[in-house]
All heavy atoms as atom14 arrays in JSON, in Angstrom:
{
  "sequence": "QHAAKRGMSVQDYVVRTLIREDFDERFQSSLDETEKLGVRWPVT",
  "atom14_mask": [
    [1, 1, 1, 1, 1, 1, 1, 1, 1, 0, 0, 0, 0, 0],
    [1, 1, 1, 1, 1, 1, 1, 1, 1, 1, 0, 0, 0, 0],
    [1, 1, 1, 1, 1, 0, 0, 0, 0, 0, 0, 0, 0, 0],
    [1, 1, 1, 1, 1, 0, 0, 0, 0, 0, 0, 0, 0, 0],
    [1, 1, 1, 1, 1, 1, 1, 1, 1, 0, 0, 0, 0, 0],
    [1, 1, 1, 1, 1, 1, 1, 1, 1, 1, 1, 0, 0, 0],
    [1, 1, 1, 1, 0, 0, 0, 0, 0, 0, 0, 0, 0, 0],
    [1, 1, 1, 1, 1, 1, 1, 1, 0, 0, 0, 0, 0, 0],
    [1, 1, 1, 1, 1, 1, 0, 0, 0, 0, 0, 0, 0, 0],
    [1, 1, 1, 1, 1, 1, 1, 0, 0, 0, 0, 0, 0, 0],
    [1, 1, 1, 1, 1, 1, 1, 1, 1, 0, 0, 0, 0, 0],
    [1, 1, 1, 1, 1, 1, 1, 1, 0, 0, 0, 0, 0, 0],
    [1, 1, 1, 1, 1, 1, 1, 1, 1, 1, 1, 1, 0, 0],
    [1, 1, 1, 1, 1, 1, 1, 0, 0, 0, 0, 0, 0, 0],
    [1, 1, 1, 1, 1, 1, 1, 0, 0, 0, 0, 0, 0, 0],
    [1, 1, 1, 1, 1, 1, 1, 1, 1, 1, 1, 0, 0, 0],
    [1, 1, 1, 1, 1, 1, 1, 0, 0, 0, 0, 0, 0, 0],
    [1, 1, 1, 1, 1, 1, 1, 1, 0, 0, 0, 0, 0, 0],
    [1, 1, 1, 1, 1, 1, 1, 1, 0, 0, 0, 0, 0, 0],
    [1, 1, 1, 1, 1, 1, 1, 1, 1, 1, 1, 0, 0, 0],
    [1, 1, 1, 1, 1, 1, 1, 1, 1, 0, 0, 0, 0, 0],
    [1, 1, 1, 1, 1, 1, 1, 1, 0, 0, 0, 0, 0, 0],
    [1, 1, 1, 1, 1, 1, 1, 1, 1, 1, 1, 0, 0, 0],
    [1, 1, 1, 1, 1, 1, 1, 1, 0, 0, 0, 0, 0, 0],
    [1, 1, 1, 1, 1, 1, 1, 1, 1, 0, 0, 0, 0, 0],
    [1, 1, 1, 1, 1, 1, 1, 1, 1, 1, 1, 0, 0, 0],
    [1, 1, 1, 1, 1, 1, 1, 1, 1, 1, 1, 0, 0, 0],
    [1, 1, 1, 1, 1, 1, 1, 1, 1, 0, 0, 0, 0, 0],
    [1, 1, 1, 1, 1, 1, 0, 0, 0, 0, 0, 0, 0, 0],
    [1, 1, 1, 1, 1, 1, 0, 0, 0, 0, 0, 0, 0, 0],
    [1, 1, 1, 1, 1, 1, 1, 1, 0, 0, 0, 0, 0, 0],
    [1, 1, 1, 1, 1, 1, 1, 1, 0, 0, 0, 0, 0, 0],
    [1, 1, 1, 1, 1, 1, 1, 1, 1, 0, 0, 0, 0, 0],
    [1, 1, 1, 1, 1, 1, 1, 0, 0, 0, 0, 0, 0, 0],
    [1, 1, 1, 1, 1, 1, 1, 1, 1, 0, 0, 0, 0, 0],
    [1, 1, 1, 1, 1, 1, 1, 1, 1, 0, 0, 0, 0, 0],
    [1, 1, 1, 1, 1, 1, 1, 1, 0, 0, 0, 0, 0, 0],
    [1, 1, 1, 1, 0, 0, 0, 0, 0, 0, 0, 0, 0, 0],
    [1, 1, 1, 1, 1, 1, 1, 0, 0, 0, 0, 0, 0, 0],
    [1, 1, 1, 1, 1, 1, 1, 1, 1, 1, 1, 0, 0, 0],
    [1, 1, 1, 1, 1, 1, 1, 1, 1, 1, 1, 1, 1, 1],
    [1, 1, 1, 1, 1, 1, 1, 0, 0, 0, 0, 0, 0, 0],
    [1, 1, 1, 1, 1, 1, 1, 0, 0, 0, 0, 0, 0, 0],
    [1, 1, 1, 1, 1, 1, 1, 0, 0, 0, 0, 0, 0, 0]
  ],
  "atom14_positions": [
    [[-80.12, 46.32, 18.76], [-78.67, 46.16, 18.71], [-77.98, 47.11, 19.68], [-77.05, 46.72, 20.41], [-78.16, 46.39, 17.29], [-78.56, 45.31, 16.33], [-78.21, 45.62, 14.89], [-77.61, 46.64, 14.58], [-78.62, 44.74, 13.99], [0.0, 0.0, 0.0], [0.0, 0.0, 0.0], [0.0, 0.0, 0.0], [0.0, 0.0, 0.0], [0.0, 0.0, 0.0]],
    [[-78.4, 48.37, 19.7], [-77.82, 49.35, 20.61], [-78.05, 48.94, 22.08], [-77.16, 49.02, 22.91], [-78.39, 50.75, 20.39], [-77.91, 51.4, 19.14], [-76.59, 51.76, 18.94], [-78.57, 51.76, 18.02], [-76.45, 52.32, 17.75], [-77.66, 52.32, 17.18], [0.0, 0.0, 0.0], [0.0, 0.0, 0.0], [0.0, 0.0, 0.0], [0.0, 0.0, 0.0]],
    [[-79.25, 48.48, 22.37], [-79.61, 48.05, 23.73], [-78.79, 46.84, 24.12], [-78.26, 46.76, 25.23], [-81.1, 47.78, 23.82], [0.0, 0.0, 0.0], [0.0, 0.0, 0.0], [0.0, 0.0, 0.0], [0.0, 0.0, 0.0], [0.0, 0.0, 0.0], [0.0, 0.0, 0.0], [0.0, 0.0, 0.0], [0.0, 0.0, 0.0], [0.0, 0.0, 0.0]],
    [[-78.66, 45.88, 23.2], [-77.91, 44.64, 23.5], [-76.45, 44.93, 23.8], [-75.87, 44.34, 24.7], [-78.02, 43.69, 22.33], [0.0, 0.0, 0.0], [0.0, 0.0, 0.0], [0.0, 0.0, 0.0], [0.0, 0.0, 0.0], [0.0, 0.0, 0.0], [0.0, 0.0, 0.0], [0.0, 0.0, 0.0], [0.0, 0.0, 0.0], [0.0, 0.0, 0.0]],
    [[-75.87, 45.89, 23.1], [-74.45, 46.26, 23.35], [-74.27, 46.75, 24.78], [-73.2, 46.62, 25.34], [-74.0, 47.35, 22.39], [-73.79, 46.91, 20.98], [-73.35, 48.08, 20.1], [-73.28, 47.69, 18.68], [-73.0, 48.87, 17.8], [0.0, 0.0, 0.0], [0.0, 0.0, 0.0], [0.0, 0.0, 0.0], [0.0, 0.0, 0.0], [0.0, 0.0, 0.0]],
    [[-75.31, 47.31, 25.35], [-75.26, 47.86, 26.7], [-75.87, 46.91, 27.73], [-76.0, 47.27, 28.91], [-75.95, 49.21, 26.73], [-75.18, 50.25, 25.95], [-76.05, 51.39, 25.5], [-75.32, 52.39, 24.69], [-75.04, 52.29, 23.42], [-75.45, 51.23, 22.73], [-74.37, 53.2, 22.79], [0.0, 0.0, 0.0], [0.0, 0.0, 0.0], [0.0, 0.0, 0.0]],
    [[-76.33, 45.76, 27.27], [-76.92, 44.78, 28.18], [-78.27, 45.28, 28.73], [-78.59, 44.97, 29.89], [0.0, 0.0, 0.0], [0.0, 0.0, 0.0], [0.0, 0.0, 0.0], [0.0, 0.0, 0.0], [0.0, 0.0, 0.0], [0.0, 0.0, 0.0], [0.0, 0.0, 0.0], [0.0, 0.0, 0.0], [0.0, 0.0, 0.0], [0.0, 0.0, 0.0]],
    [[-79.0, 45.99, 27.92], [-80.26, 46.57, 28.36], [-81.41, 46.06, 27.49], [-81.2, 45.59, 26.37], [-80.21, 48.13, 28.22], [-79.07, 48.78, 28.93], [-78.87, 50.51, 28.46], [-80.22, 51.21, 29.31], [0.0, 0.0, 0.0], [0.0, 0.0, 0.0], [0.0, 0.0, 0.0], [0.0, 0.0, 0.0], [0.0, 0.0, 0.0], [0.0, 0.0, 0.0]],
    [[-82.64, 46.25, 28.01], [-83.79, 46.0, 27.19], [-84.01, 47.21, 26.28], [-83.48, 48.29, 26.54], [-85.03, 45.82, 28.06], [-85.4, 47.03, 28.69], [0.0, 0.0, 0.0], [0.0, 0.0, 0.0], [0.0, 0.0, 0.0], [0.0, 0.0, 0.0], [0.0, 0.0, 0.0], [0.0, 0.0, 0.0], [0.0, 0.0, 0.0], [0.0, 0.0, 0.0]],
    [[-84.78, 47.02, 25.21], [-85.06, 48.13, 24.34], [-85.79, 49.24, 25.1], [-85.49, 50.43, 24.96], [-85.9, 47.68, 23.1], [-86.38, 48.87, 22.29], [-85.12, 46.71, 22.24], [0.0, 0.0, 0.0], [0.0, 0.0, 0.0], [0.0, 0.0, 0.0], [0.0, 0.0, 0.0], [0.0, 0.0, 0.0], [0.0, 0.0, 0.0], [0.0, 0.0, 0.0]],
    [[-86.71, 48.86, 25.96], [-87.45, 49.85, 26.75], [-86.49, 50.7, 27.62], [-86.56, 51.91, 27.61], [-88.46, 49.17, 27.65], [-89.22, 50.14, 28.54], [-90.25, 49.45, 29.44], [-90.81, 48.44, 29.0], [-90.45, 49.97, 30.59], [0.0, 0.0, 0.0], [0.0, 0.0, 0.0], [0.0, 0.0, 0.0], [0.0, 0.0, 0.0], [0.0, 0.0, 0.0]],
    [[-85.58, 50.02, 28.35], [-84.65, 50.76, 29.19], [-83.73, 51.65, 28.34], [-83.41, 52.76, 28.74], [-83.81, 49.76, 30.0], [-84.59, 49.11, 31.13], [-85.68, 49.63, 31.46], [-84.12, 48.08, 31.62], [0.0, 0.0, 0.0], [0.0, 0.0, 0.0], [0.0, 0.0, 0.0], [0.0, 0.0, 0.0], [0.0, 0.0, 0.0], [0.0, 0.0, 0.0]],
    [[-83.27, 51.13, 27.19], [-82.4, 51.91, 26.34], [-83.1, 53.18, 25.85], [-82.55, 54.26, 25.92], [-81.94, 51.08, 25.12], [-81.14, 51.85, 24.15], [-79.81, 52.17, 24.42], [-81.67, 52.32, 22.95], [-79.03, 52.91, 23.53], [-80.94, 53.06, 22.06], [-79.64, 53.36, 22.35], [-78.91, 54.08, 21.46], [0.0, 0.0, 0.0], [0.0, 0.0, 0.0]],
    [[-84.34, 53.07, 25.42], [-85.08, 54.21, 24.9], [-85.35, 55.22, 26.03], [-85.14, 56.44, 25.87], [-86.42, 53.78, 24.25], [-87.3, 54.97, 23.94], [-86.13, 52.99, 22.97], [0.0, 0.0, 0.0], [0.0, 0.0, 0.0], [0.0, 0.0, 0.0], [0.0, 0.0, 0.0], [0.0, 0.0, 0.0], [0.0, 0.0, 0.0], [0.0, 0.0, 0.0]],
    [[-85.74, 54.73, 27.18], [-86.01, 55.64, 28.34], [-84.71, 56.38, 28.73], [-84.74, 57.59, 28.93], [-86.59, 54.85, 29.54], [-86.58, 55.72, 30.79], [-87.99, 54.4, 29.18], [0.0, 0.0, 0.0], [0.0, 0.0, 0.0], [0.0, 0.0, 0.0], [0.0, 0.0, 0.0], [0.0, 0.0, 0.0], [0.0, 0.0, 0.0], [0.0, 0.0, 0.0]],
    [[-83.6, 55.66, 28.85], [-82.35, 56.34, 29.19], [-81.93, 57.34, 28.14], [-81.4, 58.41, 28.46], [-81.22, 55.31, 29.42], [-81.37, 54.61, 30.72], [-80.22, 53.64, 30.93], [-80.39, 52.91, 32.16], [-79.6, 53.09, 33.24], [-78.62, 53.95, 33.18], [-79.81, 52.41, 34.31], [0.0, 0.0, 0.0], [0.0, 0.0, 0.0], [0.0, 0.0, 0.0]],
    [[-82.16, 57.03, 26.89], [-81.83, 57.96, 25.8], [-82.64, 59.23, 25.94], [-82.15, 60.35, 25.79], [-82.02, 57.29, 24.43], [-81.18, 56.15, 24.36], [-81.67, 58.26, 23.29], [0.0, 0.0, 0.0], [0.0, 0.0, 0.0], [0.0, 0.0, 0.0], [0.0, 0.0, 0.0], [0.0, 0.0, 0.0], [0.0, 0.0, 0.0], [0.0, 0.0, 0.0]],
    [[-83.95, 59.08, 26.21], [-84.81, 60.24, 26.36], [-84.4, 61.08, 27.6], [-84.38, 62.3, 27.55], [-86.26, 59.8, 26.49], [-86.87, 59.19, 25.22], [-88.23, 58.6, 25.53], [-86.98, 60.27, 24.12], [0.0, 0.0, 0.0], [0.0, 0.0, 0.0], [0.0, 0.0, 0.0], [0.0, 0.0, 0.0], [0.0, 0.0, 0.0], [0.0, 0.0, 0.0]],
    [[-84.06, 60.38, 28.69], [-83.64, 61.11, 29.9], [-82.35, 61.88, 29.63], [-82.21, 63.06, 30.01], [-83.41, 60.12, 31.05], [-84.76, 59.6, 31.53], [-82.66, 60.77, 32.22], [-84.67, 58.42, 32.51], [0.0, 0.0, 0.0], [0.0, 0.0, 0.0], [0.0, 0.0, 0.0], [0.0, 0.0, 0.0], [0.0, 0.0, 0.0], [0.0, 0.0, 0.0]],
    [[-81.4, 61.26, 28.93], [-80.14, 61.93, 28.61], [-80.38, 63.14, 27.73], [-79.82, 64.22, 27.94], [-79.17, 60.94, 27.94], [-77.79, 61.55, 27.66], [-76.85, 60.54, 27.02], [-77.31, 60.12, 25.74], [-77.58, 58.87, 25.38], [-77.41, 57.92, 26.23], [-78.01, 58.6, 24.16], [0.0, 0.0, 0.0], [0.0, 0.0, 0.0], [0.0, 0.0, 0.0]],
    [[-81.23, 63.0, 26.72], [-81.54, 64.1, 25.81], [-82.2, 65.25, 26.55], [-81.85, 66.42, 26.36], [-82.45, 63.63, 24.68], [-82.82, 64.67, 23.67], [-81.63, 65.13, 22.83], [-80.66, 64.39, 22.69], [-81.71, 66.28, 22.3], [0.0, 0.0, 0.0], [0.0, 0.0, 0.0], [0.0, 0.0, 0.0], [0.0, 0.0, 0.0], [0.0, 0.0, 0.0]],
    [[-83.11, 64.92, 27.46], [-83.74, 65.94, 28.28], [-82.75, 66.68, 29.15], [-82.74, 67.92, 29.24], [-84.85, 65.33, 29.15], [-85.57, 66.35, 30.01], [-86.14, 67.3, 29.44], [-85.56, 66.21, 31.25], [0.0, 0.0, 0.0], [0.0, 0.0, 0.0], [0.0, 0.0, 0.0], [0.0, 0.0, 0.0], [0.0, 0.0, 0.0], [0.0, 0.0, 0.0]],
    [[-81.82, 65.95, 29.78], [-80.77, 66.57, 30.59], [-79.92, 67.48, 29.73], [-79.61, 68.62, 30.14], [-79.9, 65.51, 31.28], [-78.71, 66.13, 31.96], [-78.86, 66.67, 33.21], [-77.46, 66.15, 31.32], [-77.74, 67.27, 33.83], [-76.37, 66.71, 31.95], [-76.5, 67.29, 33.2], [0.0, 0.0, 0.0], [0.0, 0.0, 0.0], [0.0, 0.0, 0.0]],
    [[-79.49, 66.99, 28.57], [-78.63, 67.8, 27.71], [-79.32, 69.11, 27.32], [-78.67, 70.16, 27.31], [-78.27, 67.02, 26.42], [-77.32, 65.87, 26.68], [-76.73, 65.79, 27.79], [-77.16, 65.03, 25.78], [0.0, 0.0, 0.0], [0.0, 0.0, 0.0], [0.0, 0.0, 0.0], [0.0, 0.0, 0.0], [0.0, 0.0, 0.0], [0.0, 0.0, 0.0]],
    [[-80.61, 69.06, 27.03], [-81.34, 70.26, 26.66], [-81.43, 71.23, 27.82], [-81.2, 72.43, 27.69], [-82.77, 69.92, 26.18], [-82.81, 69.32, 24.81], [-84.2, 68.99, 24.39], [-85.18, 69.5, 24.98], [-84.37, 68.17, 23.45], [0.0, 0.0, 0.0], [0.0, 0.0, 0.0], [0.0, 0.0, 0.0], [0.0, 0.0, 0.0], [0.0, 0.0, 0.0]],
    [[-81.72, 70.7, 29.04], [-81.81, 71.57, 30.21], [-80.46, 72.15, 30.57], [-80.35, 73.33, 30.92], [-82.4, 70.8, 31.39], [-83.87, 70.51, 31.24], [-84.5, 69.82, 32.43], [-83.98, 68.44, 32.53], [-83.43, 67.92, 33.62], [-83.37, 68.61, 34.72], [-83.0, 66.69, 33.62], [0.0, 0.0, 0.0], [0.0, 0.0, 0.0], [0.0, 0.0, 0.0]],
    [[-79.4, 71.37, 30.44], [-78.04, 71.84, 30.72], [-77.65, 72.97, 29.75], [-77.14, 74.0, 30.16], [-77.04, 70.7, 30.68], [-75.64, 71.08, 31.04], [-75.33, 71.36, 32.35], [-74.67, 71.15, 30.07], [-74.06, 71.72, 32.7], [-73.38, 71.53, 30.41], [-73.04, 71.8, 31.73], [0.0, 0.0, 0.0], [0.0, 0.0, 0.0], [0.0, 0.0, 0.0]],
    [[-77.9, 72.74, 28.46], [-77.57, 73.76, 27.47], [-78.38, 75.02, 27.72], [-77.84, 76.11, 27.59], [-77.83, 73.25, 26.04], [-77.37, 74.22, 24.97], [-75.86, 74.53, 25.05], [-75.06, 73.61, 25.12], [-75.51, 75.77, 25.08], [0.0, 0.0, 0.0], [0.0, 0.0, 0.0], [0.0, 0.0, 0.0], [0.0, 0.0, 0.0], [0.0, 0.0, 0.0]],
    [[-79.64, 74.9, 28.09], [-80.45, 76.07, 28.38], [-79.88, 76.83, 29.54], [-79.83, 78.08, 29.51], [-81.87, 75.61, 28.67], [-82.69, 76.7, 29.04], [0.0, 0.0, 0.0], [0.0, 0.0, 0.0], [0.0, 0.0, 0.0], [0.0, 0.0, 0.0], [0.0, 0.0, 0.0], [0.0, 0.0, 0.0], [0.0, 0.0, 0.0], [0.0, 0.0, 0.0]],
    [[-79.41, 76.14, 30.58], [-78.84, 76.82, 31.73], [-77.53, 77.53, 31.34], [-77.27, 78.64, 31.82], [-78.62, 75.89, 32.9], [-77.65, 74.94, 32.62], [0.0, 0.0, 0.0], [0.0, 0.0, 0.0], [0.0, 0.0, 0.0], [0.0, 0.0, 0.0], [0.0, 0.0, 0.0], [0.0, 0.0, 0.0], [0.0, 0.0, 0.0], [0.0, 0.0, 0.0]],
    [[-76.73, 76.93, 30.47], [-75.53, 77.57, 30.0], [-75.86, 78.81, 29.21], [-75.2, 79.87, 29.39], [-74.68, 76.62, 29.13], [-73.98, 75.49, 29.85], [-73.24, 74.61, 28.83], [-73.04, 76.0, 30.9], [0.0, 0.0, 0.0], [0.0, 0.0, 0.0], [0.0, 0.0, 0.0], [0.0, 0.0, 0.0], [0.0, 0.0, 0.0], [0.0, 0.0, 0.0]],
    [[-76.86, 78.75, 28.37], [-77.3, 79.9, 27.59], [-77.75, 81.07, 28.49], [-77.4, 82.21, 28.29], [-78.43, 79.54, 26.62], [-77.96, 78.58, 25.53], [-76.75, 78.42, 25.33], [-78.86, 77.96, 24.89], [0.0, 0.0, 0.0], [0.0, 0.0, 0.0], [0.0, 0.0, 0.0], [0.0, 0.0, 0.0], [0.0, 0.0, 0.0], [0.0, 0.0, 0.0]],
    [[-78.53, 80.7, 29.51], [-78.99, 81.72, 30.47], [-77.83, 82.32, 31.25], [-77.81, 83.53, 31.49], [-80.01, 81.13, 31.44], [-81.33, 80.77, 30.77], [-82.03, 81.98, 30.18], [-82.07, 83.05, 30.81], [-82.49, 81.86, 29.04], [0.0, 0.0, 0.0], [0.0, 0.0, 0.0], [0.0, 0.0, 0.0], [0.0, 0.0, 0.0], [0.0, 0.0, 0.0]],
    [[-76.85, 81.5, 31.6], [-75.67, 82.02, 32.31], [-74.88, 82.94, 31.42], [-74.41, 84.0, 31.88], [-74.77, 80.83, 32.77], [-75.56, 79.99, 33.6], [-73.58, 81.32, 33.55], [0.0, 0.0, 0.0], [0.0, 0.0, 0.0], [0.0, 0.0, 0.0], [0.0, 0.0, 0.0], [0.0, 0.0, 0.0], [0.0, 0.0, 0.0], [0.0, 0.0, 0.0]],
    [[-74.75, 82.61, 30.13], [-74.04, 83.45, 29.2], [-74.72, 84.82, 29.09], [-74.07, 85.83, 28.94], [-73.97, 82.8, 27.83], [-72.58, 82.32, 27.5], [-72.49, 81.74, 26.11], [-73.08, 82.3, 25.16], [-71.79, 80.73, 25.99], [0.0, 0.0, 0.0], [0.0, 0.0, 0.0], [0.0, 0.0, 0.0], [0.0, 0.0, 0.0], [0.0, 0.0, 0.0]],
    [[-76.04, 84.86, 29.13], [-76.79, 86.11, 29.08], [-76.42, 87.03, 30.22], [-76.49, 88.24, 30.12], [-78.29, 85.86, 29.07], [-78.81, 85.28, 27.8], [-80.32, 85.07, 27.89], [-80.86, 84.37, 26.67], [-82.3, 84.07, 26.8], [0.0, 0.0, 0.0], [0.0, 0.0, 0.0], [0.0, 0.0, 0.0], [0.0, 0.0, 0.0], [0.0, 0.0, 0.0]],
    [[-75.99, 86.44, 31.34], [-75.55, 87.21, 32.49], [-74.12, 87.68, 32.37], [-73.62, 88.38, 33.24], [-75.71, 86.38, 33.78], [-77.14, 85.94, 34.15], [-77.11, 84.98, 35.32], [-77.98, 87.14, 34.46], [0.0, 0.0, 0.0], [0.0, 0.0, 0.0], [0.0, 0.0, 0.0], [0.0, 0.0, 0.0], [0.0, 0.0, 0.0], [0.0, 0.0, 0.0]],
    [[-73.45, 87.28, 31.28], [-72.1, 87.73, 31.03], [-71.02, 86.79, 31.57], [-69.85, 87.1, 31.56], [0.0, 0.0, 0.0], [0.0, 0.0, 0.0], [0.0, 0.0, 0.0], [0.0, 0.0, 0.0], [0.0, 0.0, 0.0], [0.0, 0.0, 0.0], [0.0, 0.0, 0.0], [0.0, 0.0, 0.0], [0.0, 0.0, 0.0], [0.0, 0.0, 0.0]],
    [[-71.4, 85.62, 32.02], [-70.46, 84.64, 32.53], [-70.15, 83.66, 31.42], [-71.03, 83.11, 30.78], [-71.02, 83.9, 33.76], [-70.05, 82.84, 34.25], [-71.39, 84.88, 34.86], [0.0, 0.0, 0.0], [0.0, 0.0, 0.0], [0.0, 0.0, 0.0], [0.0, 0.0, 0.0], [0.0, 0.0, 0.0], [0.0, 0.0, 0.0], [0.0, 0.0, 0.0]],
    [[-68.88, 83.42, 31.16], [-68.45, 82.46, 30.12], [-67.77, 81.28, 30.79], [-67.09, 81.44, 31.8], [-67.47, 83.12, 29.16], [-68.05, 84.37, 28.5], [-68.28, 84.08, 27.07], [-68.72, 85.29, 26.41], [-69.82, 85.38, 25.69], [-70.56, 84.32, 25.52], [-70.18, 86.5, 25.14], [0.0, 0.0, 0.0], [0.0, 0.0, 0.0], [0.0, 0.0, 0.0]],
    [[-67.95, 80.1, 30.24], [-67.33, 78.89, 30.77], [-66.29, 78.4, 29.8], [-66.47, 78.46, 28.61], [-68.4, 77.82, 30.99], [-69.39, 78.21, 31.99], [-70.63, 78.7, 31.75], [-69.26, 78.24, 33.42], [-71.29, 79.0, 32.89], [-70.47, 78.72, 33.94], [-68.24, 77.88, 34.28], [-70.67, 78.89, 35.29], [-68.48, 78.04, 35.64], [-69.67, 78.51, 36.13]],
    [[-65.17, 77.91, 30.21], [-64.78, 77.81, 31.62], [-64.32, 79.18, 32.11], [-63.77, 79.99, 31.36], [-63.6, 76.82, 31.61], [-63.02, 76.94, 30.26], [-64.18, 77.29, 29.33], [0.0, 0.0, 0.0], [0.0, 0.0, 0.0], [0.0, 0.0, 0.0], [0.0, 0.0, 0.0], [0.0, 0.0, 0.0], [0.0, 0.0, 0.0], [0.0, 0.0, 0.0]],
    [[-64.51, 79.41, 33.39], [-64.08, 80.67, 34.0], [-62.58, 80.58, 34.25], [-62.11, 79.65, 34.83], [-64.79, 80.91, 35.36], [-64.3, 82.17, 36.02], [-66.32, 80.95, 35.12], [0.0, 0.0, 0.0], [0.0, 0.0, 0.0], [0.0, 0.0, 0.0], [0.0, 0.0, 0.0], [0.0, 0.0, 0.0], [0.0, 0.0, 0.0], [0.0, 0.0, 0.0]],
    [[-61.85, 81.58, 33.73], [-60.4, 81.55, 33.9], [-59.92, 82.72, 34.75], [-60.56, 83.66, 34.92], [-59.71, 81.63, 32.53], [-60.16, 82.79, 31.84], [-59.95, 80.37, 31.74], [0.0, 0.0, 0.0], [0.0, 0.0, 0.0], [0.0, 0.0, 0.0], [0.0, 0.0, 0.0], [0.0, 0.0, 0.0], [0.0, 0.0, 0.0], [0.0, 0.0, 0.0]]
  ]
}
């Protein structure tokens, strides 16, 4: 159902979901590492 809403196959939907989750984890990790350096986002 989720794949059909996006006009995708189940395989493509699952792969894209996994890729997005992996990106989110890597992005959050980089934000955490940046915070350890004393930089906060957004920079004002």
